[in-house]
Each structure stands twice: as C-alpha cells, then as structure tokens.
Protein backbone atom coordinates (compact mmCIF):
# COMPACT_ATOMS: atom_id res chain seq x y z
CA MET A 1 0.13 -0.13 0.64
CA SER A 2 1.26 3.40 -1.10
CA LYS A 3 1.64 5.91 2.02
CA LYS A 4 -0.98 8.08 3.39
CA ARG A 5 -0.16 11.70 1.89
CA ARG A 6 -3.17 13.69 3.51
CA GLY A 7 -5.64 13.62 6.37
CA LYS A 8 -4.76 14.09 9.98
CA GLU A 9 -1.81 12.55 11.02
CA THR A 10 -1.14 10.59 14.08
CA ILE A 11 0.26 12.43 17.16
CA VAL A 12 3.51 10.81 19.25
CA GLN A 13 5.03 12.83 22.08
CA CYS A 14 8.26 13.61 22.03
CA CYS A 15 9.87 11.78 24.90
CA SER A 16 12.29 15.03 25.87
CA CYS A 17 10.38 17.71 26.66
CA GLY A 18 6.87 16.14 25.78
CA ALA A 19 5.65 17.79 22.79
CA ARG A 20 3.45 16.56 20.83
CA VAL A 21 4.16 16.31 17.39
CA PRO A 22 2.33 14.51 13.97
CA ARG A 23 4.27 11.86 13.34
CA ASP A 24 5.77 12.39 10.06
CA LYS A 25 7.23 15.60 11.24
CA ALA A 26 8.77 14.02 14.35
CA VAL A 27 12.59 12.35 14.60
CA LEU A 28 12.33 8.89 14.90
CA TYR A 29 15.32 7.72 17.41
CA GLU A 30 15.95 3.35 17.32
CA SER A 31 18.48 2.95 20.26
CA PRO A 32 19.60 -0.73 20.79
CA LEU A 33 18.64 -2.76 23.92
CA VAL A 34 21.10 -6.14 24.01
CA PHE A 35 19.76 -8.62 26.54
CA LYS A 36 23.01 -11.39 27.27
CA ALA A 37 21.41 -14.46 29.14
CA GLU A 38 24.74 -16.34 30.71
CA ASP A 39 24.92 -20.10 32.52
CA PRO A 40 25.67 -20.12 36.04
CA ASN A 41 27.71 -23.01 36.00
CA LYS A 42 30.04 -20.78 33.28
CA PRO A 43 30.35 -17.45 33.70
CA ASP A 44 32.18 -16.96 30.70
CA GLU A 45 30.51 -18.26 28.83
CA VAL A 46 27.39 -15.93 27.13
CA VAL A 47 24.63 -18.15 26.61
CA VAL A 48 22.41 -16.37 24.51
CA GLN A 49 21.84 -12.67 23.25
CA THR A 50 19.08 -11.15 22.18
CA THR A 51 19.16 -7.57 20.40
CA THR A 52 15.74 -5.51 20.16
CA PHE A 53 15.71 -1.78 19.50
CA ARG A 54 13.22 1.21 21.54
CA LYS A 55 11.78 3.66 19.48
CA ARG A 56 12.11 7.19 20.02
CA TRP A 57 10.09 10.24 18.92
CA TYR A 58 11.63 13.33 19.47
CA CYS A 59 10.15 17.26 18.65
CA VAL A 60 12.41 18.79 15.71
CA SER A 61 14.32 21.23 18.47
CA CYS A 62 15.49 18.40 21.03
CA GLY A 63 16.48 16.46 18.02
CA LYS A 64 18.60 19.04 16.47
CA HIS A 65 19.69 19.74 20.38
CA ARG A 66 20.79 16.18 21.75
CA GLY A 67 22.69 15.31 17.83
CA ILE A 68 19.85 13.27 16.54
CA PHE A 69 19.02 15.15 13.88
CA GLN A 70 20.81 18.03 11.26
CA LYS A 71 18.80 18.87 7.91
CA LYS A 72 21.48 21.39 7.50
CA LYS A 73 24.27 19.06 7.17
CA ARG A 74 21.65 17.19 4.82
CA GLN A 75 21.22 19.68 2.62
CA GLN A 76 25.07 20.33 1.75
CA ASP A 77 25.72 16.78 1.69
CA MET A 78 23.53 16.86 -1.12
CA ARG A 79 24.27 20.23 -2.42
CA ARG A 80 27.87 18.48 -2.76
CA GLU A 81 26.70 15.47 -3.62
CA ARG A 82 25.62 17.53 -7.40
CA ARG A 83 28.12 19.41 -7.50
CA ARG A 84 30.98 16.62 -8.37
CA GLU A 85 27.98 15.43 -11.43
C-alpha cells in the first residue's frame, strides 16, 4: 500500500520535552537494547544474546539539540554530490 499523504497524521509525544508532534514531522531514533543470558555454571560464556530496538520520537528542536537530527548537514551533503556530478 502507498503512504497516506493527506488527512490527519497520528500524534506522538516527544521523549525529551513532552511536546505533541505529528508523526511525519517528528524525528525517529531507534536505540539498541542488548539482553544477555549467562550460564550460572560457566560465567565466562554467553548462552543467548538478544537485540531489540527501542523506538523514541523527538520533536525537531530536541532532535537538533541532542545531535540526532541534522537537516542542514544533509542538505550540504546533497549539494556537494550534485556539484561533483
């Protein structure tokens, strides 16, 4: 299915400041969580290691402040690539 382009977008809450932002405008940051299970008889060996990702939504200002979102840097990189071609 195609992306929904019109109408009301779902609202998410910023993890830092608590502002309510539309999901298409918010910055998504996925942080990895690693869970390890060790054998009690052999503490040096890791038996199971599972990685899951925690989704966190930030508003644009908090994303820029934390260094997650750098819009101007991306735009400059795109301009450089165009000039090289």
